[in-house]
Amino acid sequence: VSVMTGIIKISLKTFLECVRLRTFGRYGLQQIQVDCHYLQMYLWRFVSDENLVHFLLDEIVGSSAHRCLDPSPMEQSVIEVICERG
């Protein structure tokens, strides 16, 4: 579990740094929201501290919203429906 936690932590921090280097449009932000929610649904099983996963994913969404030219976040209920279908 600790090895998986380390791998996931490094992966999410790398994802966060990639987001910080990009500029997003409205649909890019919405895609990041969907991707992070999907990851949040499944990654918690593989880590010892699920709060770390939630924190990093929230940072990714927040950073992408900050780097978005036209921030128009998607409704949480729509995100949940999209992730449940996948």
PDB file of N, CA and C in Angstrom:
ATOM      1  N   VAL A   1       0.822  -1.189   0.000  1.00  0.00           N
ATOM      2  CA  VAL A   1       0.000   0.000   0.000  1.00  0.00           C
ATOM      3  C   VAL A   1       0.870   1.257   0.000  1.00  0.00           C
ATOM      4  N   SER A   2       1.945   1.259   0.749  1.00  0.00           N
ATOM      5  CA  SER A   2       2.793   2.462   0.807  1.00  0.00           C
ATOM      6  C   SER A   2       3.493   2.722  -0.527  1.00  0.00           C
ATOM      7  N   VAL A   3       3.849   1.650  -1.238  1.00  0.00           N
ATOM      8  CA  VAL A   3       4.472   1.830  -2.555  1.00  0.00           C
ATOM      9  C   VAL A   3       3.452   2.423  -3.528  1.00  0.00           C
ATOM     10  N   MET A   4       2.235   1.910  -3.521  1.00  0.00           N
ATOM     11  CA  MET A   4       1.182   2.445  -4.385  1.00  0.00           C
ATOM     12  C   MET A   4       0.865   3.894  -4.029  1.00  0.00           C
ATOM     13  N   THR A   5       0.851   4.209  -2.742  1.00  0.00           N
ATOM     14  CA  THR A   5       0.622   5.587  -2.304  1.00  0.00           C
ATOM     15  C   THR A   5       1.698   6.506  -2.857  1.00  0.00           C
ATOM     16  N   GLY A   6       2.944   6.075  -2.801  1.00  0.00           N
ATOM     17  CA  GLY A   6       4.045   6.875  -3.331  1.00  0.00           C
ATOM     18  C   GLY A   6       3.939   7.089  -4.831  1.00  0.00           C
ATOM     19  N   ILE A   7       3.609   6.038  -5.552  1.00  0.00           N
ATOM     20  CA  ILE A   7       3.471   6.137  -7.012  1.00  0.00           C
ATOM     21  C   ILE A   7       2.327   7.078  -7.376  1.00  0.00           C
ATOM     22  N   ILE A   8       1.197   6.934  -6.714  1.00  0.00           N
ATOM     23  CA  ILE A   8       0.041   7.786  -6.993  1.00  0.00           C
ATOM     24  C   ILE A   8       0.339   9.234  -6.625  1.00  0.00           C
ATOM     25  N   LYS A   9       1.009   9.441  -5.510  1.00  0.00           N
ATOM     26  CA  LYS A   9       1.369  10.797  -5.084  1.00  0.00           C
ATOM     27  C   LYS A   9       2.282  11.469  -6.113  1.00  0.00           C
ATOM     28  N   ILE A  10       3.288  10.772  -6.581  1.00  0.00           N
ATOM     29  CA  ILE A  10       4.197  11.325  -7.592  1.00  0.00           C
ATOM     30  C   ILE A  10       3.446  11.592  -8.895  1.00  0.00           C
ATOM     31  N   SER A  11       2.569  10.682  -9.281  1.00  0.00           N
ATOM     32  CA  SER A  11       1.802  10.856 -10.519  1.00  0.00           C
ATOM     33  C   SER A  11       0.886  12.072 -10.448  1.00  0.00           C
ATOM     34  N   LEU A  12       0.204  12.244  -9.328  1.00  0.00           N
ATOM     35  CA  LEU A  12      -0.697  13.387  -9.190  1.00  0.00           C
ATOM     36  C   LEU A  12       0.060  14.704  -9.113  1.00  0.00           C
ATOM     37  N   LYS A  13       1.226  14.698  -8.474  1.00  0.00           N
ATOM     38  CA  LYS A  13       2.036  15.920  -8.426  1.00  0.00           C
ATOM     39  C   LYS A  13       2.562  16.270  -9.823  1.00  0.00           C
ATOM     40  N   THR A  14       2.895  15.269 -10.616  1.00  0.00           N
ATOM     41  CA  THR A  14       3.325  15.508 -11.988  1.00  0.00           C
ATOM     42  C   THR A  14       2.168  16.054 -12.820  1.00  0.00           C
ATOM     43  N   PHE A  15       0.992  15.493 -12.635  1.00  0.00           N
ATOM     44  CA  PHE A  15      -0.208  15.978 -13.308  1.00  0.00           C
ATOM     45  C   PHE A  15      -0.460  17.443 -12.946  1.00  0.00           C
ATOM     46  N   LEU A  16      -0.301  17.777 -11.657  1.00  0.00           N
ATOM     47  CA  LEU A  16      -0.487  19.149 -11.191  1.00  0.00           C
ATOM     48  C   LEU A  16       0.504  20.096 -11.854  1.00  0.00           C
ATOM     49  N   GLU A  17       1.742  19.685 -11.965  1.00  0.00           N
ATOM     50  CA  GLU A  17       2.751  20.533 -12.614  1.00  0.00           C
ATOM     51  C   GLU A  17       2.466  20.707 -14.096  1.00  0.00           C
ATOM     52  N   CYS A  18       1.972  19.671 -14.744  1.00  0.00           N
ATOM     53  CA  CYS A  18       1.594  19.787 -16.162  1.00  0.00           C
ATOM     54  C   CYS A  18       0.440  20.768 -16.338  1.00  0.00           C
ATOM     55  N   VAL A  19      -0.517  20.740 -15.417  1.00  0.00           N
ATOM     56  CA  VAL A  19      -1.649  21.665 -15.472  1.00  0.00           C
ATOM     57  C   VAL A  19      -1.166  23.096 -15.270  1.00  0.00           C
ATOM     58  N   ARG A  20      -0.211  23.283 -14.377  1.00  0.00           N
ATOM     59  CA  ARG A  20       0.305  24.629 -14.102  1.00  0.00           C
ATOM     60  C   ARG A  20       1.057  25.229 -15.284  1.00  0.00           C
ATOM     61  N   LEU A  21       1.495  24.404 -16.196  1.00  0.00           N
ATOM     62  CA  LEU A  21       2.233  24.892 -17.362  1.00  0.00           C
ATOM     63  C   LEU A  21       1.343  25.147 -18.573  1.00  0.00           C
ATOM     64  N   ARG A  22       0.059  24.872 -18.461  1.00  0.00           N
ATOM     65  CA  ARG A  22      -0.860  24.990 -19.604  1.00  0.00           C
ATOM     66  C   ARG A  22      -1.850  26.123 -19.396  1.00  0.00           C
ATOM     67  N   THR A  23      -2.469  26.525 -20.474  1.00  0.00           N
ATOM     68  CA  THR A  23      -3.599  27.444 -20.443  1.00  0.00           C
ATOM     69  C   THR A  23      -4.791  26.676 -21.012  1.00  0.00           C
ATOM     70  N   PHE A  24      -5.927  26.784 -20.354  1.00  0.00           N
ATOM     71  CA  PHE A  24      -7.093  25.989 -20.718  1.00  0.00           C
ATOM     72  C   PHE A  24      -8.231  26.861 -21.222  1.00  0.00           C
ATOM     73  N   GLY A  25      -9.032  26.286 -22.079  1.00  0.00           N
ATOM     74  CA  GLY A  25     -10.301  26.875 -22.475  1.00  0.00           C
ATOM     75  C   GLY A  25     -11.392  26.302 -21.579  1.00  0.00           C
ATOM     76  N   ARG A  26     -12.620  26.679 -21.857  1.00  0.00           N
ATOM     77  CA  ARG A  26     -13.742  26.217 -21.039  1.00  0.00           C
ATOM     78  C   ARG A  26     -13.852  24.698 -21.026  1.00  0.00           C
ATOM     79  N   TYR A  27     -13.731  24.087 -22.192  1.00  0.00           N
ATOM     80  CA  TYR A  27     -13.910  22.634 -22.272  1.00  0.00           C
ATOM     81  C   TYR A  27     -12.712  21.874 -21.709  1.00  0.00           C
ATOM     82  N   GLY A  28     -11.545  22.486 -21.746  1.00  0.00           N
ATOM     83  CA  GLY A  28     -10.378  21.876 -21.111  1.00  0.00           C
ATOM     84  C   GLY A  28     -10.553  21.806 -19.607  1.00  0.00           C
ATOM     85  N   LEU A  29     -11.076  22.879 -19.013  1.00  0.00           N
ATOM     86  CA  LEU A  29     -11.361  22.897 -17.576  1.00  0.00           C
ATOM     87  C   LEU A  29     -12.386  21.831 -17.227  1.00  0.00           C
ATOM     88  N   GLN A  30     -13.443  21.741 -18.031  1.00  0.00           N
ATOM     89  CA  GLN A  30     -14.485  20.756 -17.748  1.00  0.00           C
ATOM     90  C   GLN A  30     -13.957  19.329 -17.879  1.00  0.00           C
ATOM     91  N   GLN A  31     -13.055  19.101 -18.834  1.00  0.00           N
ATOM     92  CA  GLN A  31     -12.457  17.766 -18.983  1.00  0.00           C
ATOM     93  C   GLN A  31     -11.594  17.430 -17.776  1.00  0.00           C
ATOM     94  N   ILE A  32     -10.843  18.405 -17.273  1.00  0.00           N
ATOM     95  CA  ILE A  32     -10.035  18.193 -16.067  1.00  0.00           C
ATOM     96  C   ILE A  32     -10.944  17.875 -14.887  1.00  0.00           C
ATOM     97  N   GLN A  33     -12.076  18.557 -14.777  1.00  0.00           N
ATOM     98  CA  GLN A  33     -13.018  18.267 -13.700  1.00  0.00           C
ATOM     99  C   GLN A  33     -13.504  16.818 -13.764  1.00  0.00           C
ATOM    100  N   VAL A  34     -13.872  16.365 -14.949  1.00  0.00           N
ATOM    101  CA  VAL A  34     -14.365  14.998 -15.118  1.00  0.00           C
ATOM    102  C   VAL A  34     -13.246  13.998 -14.812  1.00  0.00           C
ATOM    103  N   ASP A  35     -12.052  14.248 -15.338  1.00  0.00           N
ATOM    104  CA  ASP A  35     -10.926  13.339 -15.114  1.00  0.00           C
ATOM    105  C   ASP A  35     -10.601  13.217 -13.630  1.00  0.00           C
ATOM    106  N   CYS A  36     -10.567  14.353 -12.931  1.00  0.00           N
ATOM    107  CA  CYS A  36     -10.232  14.320 -11.504  1.00  0.00           C
ATOM    108  C   CYS A  36     -11.311  13.631 -10.681  1.00  0.00           C
ATOM    109  N   HIS A  37     -12.573  13.840 -11.043  1.00  0.00           N
ATOM    110  CA  HIS A  37     -13.639  13.151 -10.318  1.00  0.00           C
ATOM    111  C   HIS A  37     -13.545  11.635 -10.540  1.00  0.00           C
ATOM    112  N   TYR A  38     -13.259  11.240 -11.771  1.00  0.00           N
ATOM    113  CA  TYR A  38     -13.111   9.819 -12.067  1.00  0.00           C
ATOM    114  C   TYR A  38     -11.947   9.219 -11.262  1.00  0.00           C
ATOM    115  N   LEU A  39     -10.833   9.927 -11.225  1.00  0.00           N
ATOM    116  CA  LEU A  39      -9.691   9.448 -10.443  1.00  0.00           C
ATOM    117  C   LEU A  39     -10.034   9.374  -8.959  1.00  0.00           C
ATOM    118  N   GLN A  40     -10.790  10.354  -8.481  1.00  0.00           N
ATOM    119  CA  GLN A  40     -11.166  10.373  -7.072  1.00  0.00           C
ATOM    120  C   GLN A  40     -12.044   9.177  -6.721  1.00  0.00           C
ATOM    121  N   MET A  41     -12.879   8.747  -7.668  1.00  0.00           N
ATOM    122  CA  MET A  41     -13.756   7.605  -7.428  1.00  0.00           C
ATOM    123  C   MET A  41     -12.975   6.301  -7.241  1.00  0.00           C
ATOM    124  N   TYR A  42     -11.823   6.172  -7.890  1.00  0.00           N
ATOM    125  CA  TYR A  42     -11.133   4.885  -7.904  1.00  0.00           C
ATOM    126  C   TYR A  42      -9.778   4.853  -7.202  1.00  0.00           C
ATOM    127  N   LEU A  43      -9.087   5.958  -7.105  1.00  0.00           N
ATOM    128  CA  LEU A  43      -7.734   5.931  -6.529  1.00  0.00           C
ATOM    129  C   LEU A  43      -7.710   5.727  -5.021  1.00  0.00           C
ATOM    130  N   TRP A  44      -8.763   6.099  -4.303  1.00  0.00           N
ATOM    131  CA  TRP A  44      -8.739   6.016  -2.852  1.00  0.00           C
ATOM    132  C   TRP A  44      -8.513   4.584  -2.364  1.00  0.00           C
ATOM    133  N   ARG A  45      -8.863   3.604  -3.167  1.00  0.00           N
ATOM    134  CA  ARG A  45      -8.695   2.194  -2.771  1.00  0.00           C
ATOM    135  C   ARG A  45      -7.241   1.781  -2.653  1.00  0.00           C
ATOM    136  N   PHE A  46      -6.373   2.485  -3.364  1.00  0.00           N
ATOM    137  CA  PHE A  46      -4.986   2.062  -3.471  1.00  0.00           C
ATOM    138  C   PHE A  46      -4.024   2.844  -2.583  1.00  0.00           C
ATOM    139  N   VAL A  47      -4.512   3.777  -1.783  1.00  0.00           N
ATOM    140  CA  VAL A  47      -3.635   4.609  -0.960  1.00  0.00           C
ATOM    141  C   VAL A  47      -3.972   4.452   0.510  1.00  0.00           C
ATOM    142  N   SER A  48      -2.986   4.750   1.336  1.00  0.00           N
ATOM    143  CA  SER A  48      -3.200   4.658   2.775  1.00  0.00           C
ATOM    144  C   SER A  48      -3.851   5.921   3.320  1.00  0.00           C
ATOM    145  N   ASP A  49      -3.655   7.061   2.657  1.00  0.00           N
ATOM    146  CA  ASP A  49      -4.222   8.335   3.103  1.00  0.00           C
ATOM    147  C   ASP A  49      -5.049   8.930   1.967  1.00  0.00           C
ATOM    148  N   GLU A  50      -6.357   8.682   2.003  1.00  0.00           N
ATOM    149  CA  GLU A  50      -7.191   9.151   0.900  1.00  0.00           C
ATOM    150  C   GLU A  50      -7.356  10.663   0.911  1.00  0.00           C
ATOM    151  N   ASN A  51      -7.102  11.320   2.029  1.00  0.00           N
ATOM    152  CA  ASN A  51      -7.153  12.781   2.071  1.00  0.00           C
ATOM    153  C   ASN A  51      -6.084  13.398   1.175  1.00  0.00           C
ATOM    154  N   LEU A  52      -4.949  12.732   1.056  1.00  0.00           N
ATOM    155  CA  LEU A  52      -3.885  13.207   0.172  1.00  0.00           C
ATOM    156  C   LEU A  52      -4.362  13.213  -1.281  1.00  0.00           C
ATOM    157  N   VAL A  53      -5.043  12.165  -1.692  1.00  0.00           N
ATOM    158  CA  VAL A  53      -5.574  12.078  -3.058  1.00  0.00           C
ATOM    159  C   VAL A  53      -6.601  13.184  -3.288  1.00  0.00           C
ATOM    160  N   HIS A  54      -7.518  13.370  -2.341  1.00  0.00           N
ATOM    161  CA  HIS A  54      -8.533  14.409  -2.474  1.00  0.00           C
ATOM    162  C   HIS A  54      -7.892  15.789  -2.554  1.00  0.00           C
ATOM    163  N   PHE A  55      -6.892  16.039  -1.722  1.00  0.00           N
ATOM    164  CA  PHE A  55      -6.212  17.332  -1.719  1.00  0.00           C
ATOM    165  C   PHE A  55      -5.531  17.600  -3.057  1.00  0.00           C
ATOM    166  N   LEU A  56      -4.775  16.635  -3.565  1.00  0.00           N
ATOM    167  CA  LEU A  56      -4.055  16.834  -4.820  1.00  0.00           C
ATOM    168  C   LEU A  56      -5.005  16.995  -5.998  1.00  0.00           C
ATOM    169  N   LEU A  57      -6.077  16.225  -6.027  1.00  0.00           N
ATOM    170  CA  LEU A  57      -7.048  16.366  -7.114  1.00  0.00           C
ATOM    171  C   LEU A  57      -7.773  17.715  -7.049  1.00  0.00           C
ATOM    172  N   ASP A  58      -8.072  18.182  -5.842  1.00  0.00           N
ATOM    173  CA  ASP A  58      -8.671  19.512  -5.701  1.00  0.00           C
ATOM    174  C   ASP A  58      -7.705  20.601  -6.154  1.00  0.00           C
ATOM    175  N   GLU A  59      -6.419  20.417  -5.867  1.00  0.00           N
ATOM    176  CA  GLU A  59      -5.401  21.364  -6.325  1.00  0.00           C
ATOM    177  C   GLU A  59      -5.323  21.391  -7.852  1.00  0.00           C
ATOM    178  N   ILE A  60      -5.431  20.236  -8.466  1.00  0.00           N
ATOM    179  CA  ILE A  60      -5.391  20.153  -9.931  1.00  0.00           C
ATOM    180  C   ILE A  60      -6.573  20.906 -10.541  1.00  0.00           C
ATOM    181  N   VAL A  61      -7.773  20.680 -10.021  1.00  0.00           N
ATOM    182  CA  VAL A  61      -8.954  21.368 -10.540  1.00  0.00           C
ATOM    183  C   VAL A  61      -8.849  22.872 -10.287  1.00  0.00           C
ATOM    184  N   GLY A  62      -8.400  23.249  -9.095  1.00  0.00           N
ATOM    185  CA  GLY A  62      -8.252  24.668  -8.776  1.00  0.00           C
ATOM    186  C   GLY A  62      -7.223  25.354  -9.653  1.00  0.00           C
ATOM    187  N   SER A  63      -6.126  24.678  -9.896  1.00  0.00           N
ATOM    188  CA  SER A  63      -5.079  25.239 -10.745  1.00  0.00           C
ATOM    189  C   SER A  63      -5.552  25.377 -12.180  1.00  0.00           C
ATOM    190  N   SER A  64      -6.287  24.391 -12.672  1.00  0.00           N
ATOM    191  CA  SER A  64      -6.790  24.482 -14.046  1.00  0.00           C
ATOM    192  C   SER A  64      -7.838  25.588 -14.160  1.00  0.00           C
ATOM    193  N   ALA A  65      -8.651  25.791 -13.137  1.00  0.00           N
ATOM    194  CA  ALA A  65      -9.629  26.885 -13.155  1.00  0.00           C
ATOM    195  C   ALA A  65      -8.916  28.237 -13.158  1.00  0.00           C
ATOM    196  N   HIS A  66      -7.829  28.307 -12.414  1.00  0.00           N
ATOM    197  CA  HIS A  66      -7.033  29.546 -12.365  1.00  0.00           C
ATOM    198  C   HIS A  66      -6.365  29.828 -13.704  1.00  0.00           C
ATOM    199  N   ARG A  67      -5.984  28.780 -14.423  1.00  0.00           N
ATOM    200  CA  ARG A  67      -5.286  28.922 -15.705  1.00  0.00           C
ATOM    201  C   ARG A  67      -6.233  28.936 -16.905  1.00  0.00           C
ATOM    202  N   CYS A  68      -7.531  28.995 -16.639  1.00  0.00           N
ATOM    203  CA  CYS A  68      -8.526  28.945 -17.710  1.00  0.00           C
ATOM    204  C   CYS A  68      -8.866  30.357 -18.195  1.00  0.00           C
ATOM    205  N   LEU A  69      -8.966  30.514 -19.512  1.00  0.00           N
ATOM    206  CA  LEU A  69      -9.303  31.805 -20.099  1.00  0.00           C
ATOM    207  C   LEU A  69     -10.775  32.156 -19.930  1.00  0.00           C
ATOM    208  N   ASP A  70     -11.635  31.159 -19.984  1.00  0.00           N
ATOM    209  CA  ASP A  70     -13.081  31.354 -19.865  1.00  0.00           C
ATOM    210  C   ASP A  70     -13.632  30.331 -18.881  1.00  0.00           C
ATOM    211  N   PRO A  71     -13.394  30.543 -17.576  1.00  0.00           N
ATOM    212  CA  PRO A  71     -13.801  29.521 -16.602  1.00  0.00           C
ATOM    213  C   PRO A  71     -15.319  29.397 -16.492  1.00  0.00           C
ATOM    214  N   SER A  72     -15.799  28.243 -16.875  1.00  0.00           N
ATOM    215  CA  SER A  72     -17.214  27.916 -16.762  1.00  0.00           C
ATOM    216  C   SER A  72     -17.302  26.475 -16.272  1.00  0.00           C
ATOM    217  N   PRO A  73     -17.191  26.287 -14.944  1.00  0.00           N
ATOM    218  CA  PRO A  73     -17.167  24.919 -14.418  1.00  0.00           C
ATOM    219  C   PRO A  73     -18.468  24.171 -14.667  1.00  0.00           C
ATOM    220  N   MET A  74     -18.324  22.874 -14.786  1.00  0.00           N
ATOM    221  CA  MET A  74     -19.462  21.997 -15.028  1.00  0.00           C
ATOM    222  C   MET A  74     -20.154  21.702 -13.696  1.00  0.00           C
ATOM    223  N   GLU A  75     -21.463  21.516 -13.751  1.00  0.00           N
ATOM    224  CA  GLU A  75     -22.232  21.160 -12.555  1.00  0.00           C
ATOM    225  C   GLU A  75     -21.756  19.807 -12.015  1.00  0.00           C
ATOM    226  N   GLN A  76     -21.700  19.689 -10.696  1.00  0.00           N
ATOM    227  CA  GLN A  76     -21.234  18.456 -10.060  1.00  0.00           C
ATOM    228  C   GLN A  76     -22.117  17.268 -10.436  1.00  0.00           C
ATOM    229  N   SER A  77     -23.422  17.482 -10.563  1.00  0.00           N
ATOM    230  CA  SER A  77     -24.326  16.378 -10.908  1.00  0.00           C
ATOM    231  C   SER A  77     -24.043  15.863 -12.320  1.00  0.00           C
ATOM    232  N   VAL A  78     -23.690  16.748 -13.235  1.00  0.00           N
ATOM    233  CA  VAL A  78     -23.356  16.337 -14.601  1.00  0.00           C
ATOM    234  C   VAL A  78     -22.056  15.538 -14.601  1.00  0.00           C
ATOM    235  N   ILE A  79     -21.087  15.989 -13.821  1.00  0.00           N
ATOM    236  CA  ILE A  79     -19.812  15.277 -13.718  1.00  0.00           C
ATOM    237  C   ILE A  79     -20.038  13.862 -13.191  1.00  0.00           C
ATOM    238  N   GLU A  80     -20.880  13.734 -12.179  1.00  0.00           N
ATOM    239  CA  GLU A  80     -21.154  12.423 -11.594  1.00  0.00           C
ATOM    240  C   GLU A  80     -21.818  11.489 -12.609  1.00  0.00           C
ATOM    241  N   VAL A  81     -22.755  12.013 -13.390  1.00  0.00           N
ATOM    242  CA  VAL A  81     -23.433  11.188 -14.410  1.00  0.00           C
ATOM    243  C   VAL A  81     -22.440  10.718 -15.453  1.00  0.00           C
ATOM    244  N   ILE A  82     -21.558  11.609 -15.891  1.00  0.00           N
ATOM    245  CA  ILE A  82     -20.550  11.242 -16.896  1.00  0.00           C
ATOM    246  C   ILE A  82     -19.641  10.140 -16.353  1.00  0.00           C
ATOM    247  N   CYS A  83     -19.196  10.279 -15.111  1.00  0.00           N
ATOM    248  CA  CYS A  83     -18.270   9.294 -14.538  1.00  0.00           C
ATOM    249  C   CYS A  83     -18.957   7.955 -14.249  1.00  0.00           C
ATOM    250  N   GLU A  84     -20.221   7.977 -13.918  1.00  0.00           N
ATOM    251  CA  GLU A  84     -20.944   6.732 -13.661  1.00  0.00           C
ATOM    252  C   GLU A  84     -21.141   5.924 -14.940  1.00  0.00           C
ATOM    253  N   ARG A  85     -21.278   6.599 -16.067  1.00  0.00           N
ATOM    254  CA  ARG A  85     -21.451   5.912 -17.345  1.00  0.00           C
ATOM    255  C   ARG A  85     -20.164   5.252 -17.802  1.00  0.00           C
ATOM    256  N   GLY A  86     -19.028   5.844 -17.424  1.00  0.00           N
ATOM    257  CA  GLY A  86     -17.721   5.337 -17.889  1.00  0.00           C
ATOM    258  C   GLY A  86     -17.285   4.244 -17.063  1.00  0.00           C
TER     259      GLY A  86
END
